Amino acid sequence: MEAEVVLEYDRLRWARAVADAVSADNAEAPAGLSVKTACVDNKVITHVKWQGKLPTFISTLDDLLFSASAAEKVLRATEQSRANDPE
């Protein structure tokens, strides 16, 4: 099974940050699983290959999207904090 997940952002900085955040999860993949993430322009492109059962594949994609969502929340919170910080 294979999937390509493409997340597009308005800002290159966000794309790089999300790519870095989800790439950390890719380091300890079990045998038969390949997850490769790259930042191309303002897109985060992740290729997932799995040689096993469908539920694990779906769980992997779910984890990827959850990690991306968490990174986006941190980026939003950081921007709001900076906007509210009187200098």
C-alpha atoms as a PDB file:
ATOM      1  CA  MET A   1       0.000   0.000   0.000  1.00  0.00           C
ATOM      2  CA  GLU A   2       1.166   3.498  -0.781  1.00  0.00           C
ATOM      3  CA  ALA A   3      -0.062   7.006  -0.135  1.00  0.00           C
ATOM      4  CA  GLU A   4       1.147  10.514  -0.821  1.00  0.00           C
ATOM      5  CA  VAL A   5      -0.025  13.215   1.557  1.00  0.00           C
ATOM      6  CA  VAL A   6       0.419  16.812   0.425  1.00  0.00           C
ATOM      7  CA  LEU A   7      -0.147  19.684   2.851  1.00  0.00           C
ATOM      8  CA  GLU A   8       0.079  23.186   1.397  1.00  0.00           C
ATOM      9  CA  TYR A   9       0.728  26.334   3.440  1.00  0.00           C
ATOM     10  CA  ASP A  10       0.623  30.053   2.732  1.00  0.00           C
ATOM     11  CA  ARG A  11       4.080  30.494   4.217  1.00  0.00           C
ATOM     12  CA  LEU A  12       7.281  28.610   3.517  1.00  0.00           C
ATOM     13  CA  ARG A  13       8.239  28.967   7.188  1.00  0.00           C
ATOM     14  CA  TRP A  14       5.150  27.007   8.216  1.00  0.00           C
ATOM     15  CA  ALA A  15       5.795  24.296   5.626  1.00  0.00           C
ATOM     16  CA  ARG A  16       9.371  23.860   6.862  1.00  0.00           C
ATOM     17  CA  ALA A  17       8.268  23.746  10.499  1.00  0.00           C
ATOM     18  CA  VAL A  18       5.564  21.155   9.826  1.00  0.00           C
ATOM     19  CA  ALA A  19       7.931  19.045   7.713  1.00  0.00           C
ATOM     20  CA  ASP A  20      10.482  19.101  10.546  1.00  0.00           C
ATOM     21  CA  ALA A  21       7.825  18.191  13.102  1.00  0.00           C
ATOM     22  CA  VAL A  22       6.472  15.193  11.218  1.00  0.00           C
ATOM     23  CA  SER A  23       9.906  13.997  10.100  1.00  0.00           C
ATOM     24  CA  ALA A  24      10.867  13.302  13.703  1.00  0.00           C
ATOM     25  CA  ASP A  25       8.129  10.643  13.802  1.00  0.00           C
ATOM     26  CA  ASN A  26       9.600   8.944  10.740  1.00  0.00           C
ATOM     27  CA  ALA A  27      12.862   7.998  12.469  1.00  0.00           C
ATOM     28  CA  GLU A  28      11.689   4.804  14.161  1.00  0.00           C
ATOM     29  CA  ALA A  29       9.541   3.095  11.531  1.00  0.00           C
ATOM     30  CA  PRO A  30       8.967  -0.644  11.896  1.00  0.00           C
ATOM     31  CA  ALA A  31      10.130  -3.111   9.241  1.00  0.00           C
ATOM     32  CA  GLY A  32       7.979  -2.902   6.136  1.00  0.00           C
ATOM     33  CA  LEU A  33       7.095   0.766   6.675  1.00  0.00           C
ATOM     34  CA  SER A  34       8.678   3.611   4.763  1.00  0.00           C
ATOM     35  CA  VAL A  35       7.752   7.220   5.531  1.00  0.00           C
ATOM     36  CA  LYS A  36       9.624   9.995   3.731  1.00  0.00           C
ATOM     37  CA  THR A  37       8.776  13.666   4.143  1.00  0.00           C
ATOM     38  CA  ALA A  38      10.103  16.626   2.183  1.00  0.00           C
ATOM     39  CA  CYS A  39       9.381  20.331   2.089  1.00  0.00           C
ATOM     40  CA  VAL A  40       9.003  21.526  -1.491  1.00  0.00           C
ATOM     41  CA  ASP A  41       8.257  25.221  -1.810  1.00  0.00           C
ATOM     42  CA  ASN A  42       5.304  25.791   0.517  1.00  0.00           C
ATOM     43  CA  LYS A  43       4.214  22.137   0.495  1.00  0.00           C
ATOM     44  CA  VAL A  44       4.924  19.267   2.850  1.00  0.00           C
ATOM     45  CA  ILE A  45       4.939  16.060   0.826  1.00  0.00           C
ATOM     46  CA  THR A  46       4.989  12.716   2.609  1.00  0.00           C
ATOM     47  CA  HIS A  47       5.236   9.354   0.876  1.00  0.00           C
ATOM     48  CA  VAL A  48       4.087   6.368   2.921  1.00  0.00           C
ATOM     49  CA  LYS A  49       4.658   2.745   1.887  1.00  0.00           C
ATOM     50  CA  TRP A  50       3.508  -0.190   3.999  1.00  0.00           C
ATOM     51  CA  GLN A  51       3.810  -3.922   3.472  1.00  0.00           C
ATOM     52  CA  GLY A  52       1.321  -5.058   6.053  1.00  0.00           C
ATOM     53  CA  LYS A  53      -2.278  -4.885   7.146  1.00  0.00           C
ATOM     54  CA  LEU A  54      -4.615  -2.018   6.301  1.00  0.00           C
ATOM     55  CA  PRO A  55      -5.372  -0.936   9.924  1.00  0.00           C
ATOM     56  CA  THR A  56      -1.675  -0.203  10.546  1.00  0.00           C
ATOM     57  CA  PHE A  57      -1.462   1.779   7.308  1.00  0.00           C
ATOM     58  CA  ILE A  58      -4.498   3.853   8.283  1.00  0.00           C
ATOM     59  CA  SER A  59      -3.081   4.376  11.778  1.00  0.00           C
ATOM     60  CA  THR A  60       0.188   5.619  10.279  1.00  0.00           C
ATOM     61  CA  LEU A  61      -1.638   8.158   8.116  1.00  0.00           C
ATOM     62  CA  ASP A  62      -3.708   9.229  11.125  1.00  0.00           C
ATOM     63  CA  ASP A  63      -0.539   9.743  13.196  1.00  0.00           C
ATOM     64  CA  LEU A  64       0.997  11.788  10.393  1.00  0.00           C
ATOM     65  CA  LEU A  65      -2.019  14.085  10.139  1.00  0.00           C
ATOM     66  CA  PHE A  66      -2.281  14.384  13.934  1.00  0.00           C
ATOM     67  CA  SER A  67       1.376  15.439  14.145  1.00  0.00           C
ATOM     68  CA  ALA A  68       0.910  17.997  11.374  1.00  0.00           C
ATOM     69  CA  SER A  69      -2.165  19.385  13.119  1.00  0.00           C
ATOM     70  CA  ALA A  70      -0.295  19.663  16.416  1.00  0.00           C
ATOM     71  CA  ALA A  71       2.547  21.530  14.700  1.00  0.00           C
ATOM     72  CA  GLU A  72       0.043  23.909  13.096  1.00  0.00           C
ATOM     73  CA  LYS A  73      -1.526  24.632  16.503  1.00  0.00           C
ATOM     74  CA  VAL A  74       1.884  25.465  17.953  1.00  0.00           C
ATOM     75  CA  LEU A  75       2.645  27.769  15.022  1.00  0.00           C
ATOM     76  CA  ARG A  76      -0.706  29.560  15.438  1.00  0.00           C
ATOM     77  CA  ALA A  77      -0.191  29.934  19.194  1.00  0.00           C
ATOM     78  CA  THR A  78       3.326  31.274  18.654  1.00  0.00           C
ATOM     79  CA  GLU A  79       2.102  33.843  16.152  1.00  0.00           C
ATOM     80  CA  GLN A  80      -0.724  34.944  18.453  1.00  0.00           C
ATOM     81  CA  SER A  81       1.696  35.257  21.355  1.00  0.00           C
ATOM     82  CA  ARG A  82       4.041  37.407  19.291  1.00  0.00           C
ATOM     83  CA  ALA A  83       1.148  39.572  18.079  1.00  0.00           C
ATOM     84  CA  ASN A  84       0.010  40.153  21.676  1.00  0.00           C
ATOM     85  CA  ASP A  85       3.508  40.809  23.017  1.00  0.00           C
ATOM     86  CA  PRO A  86       4.024  44.552  23.516  1.00  0.00           C
ATOM     87  CA  GLU A  87       7.516  45.582  22.465  1.00  0.00           C
END
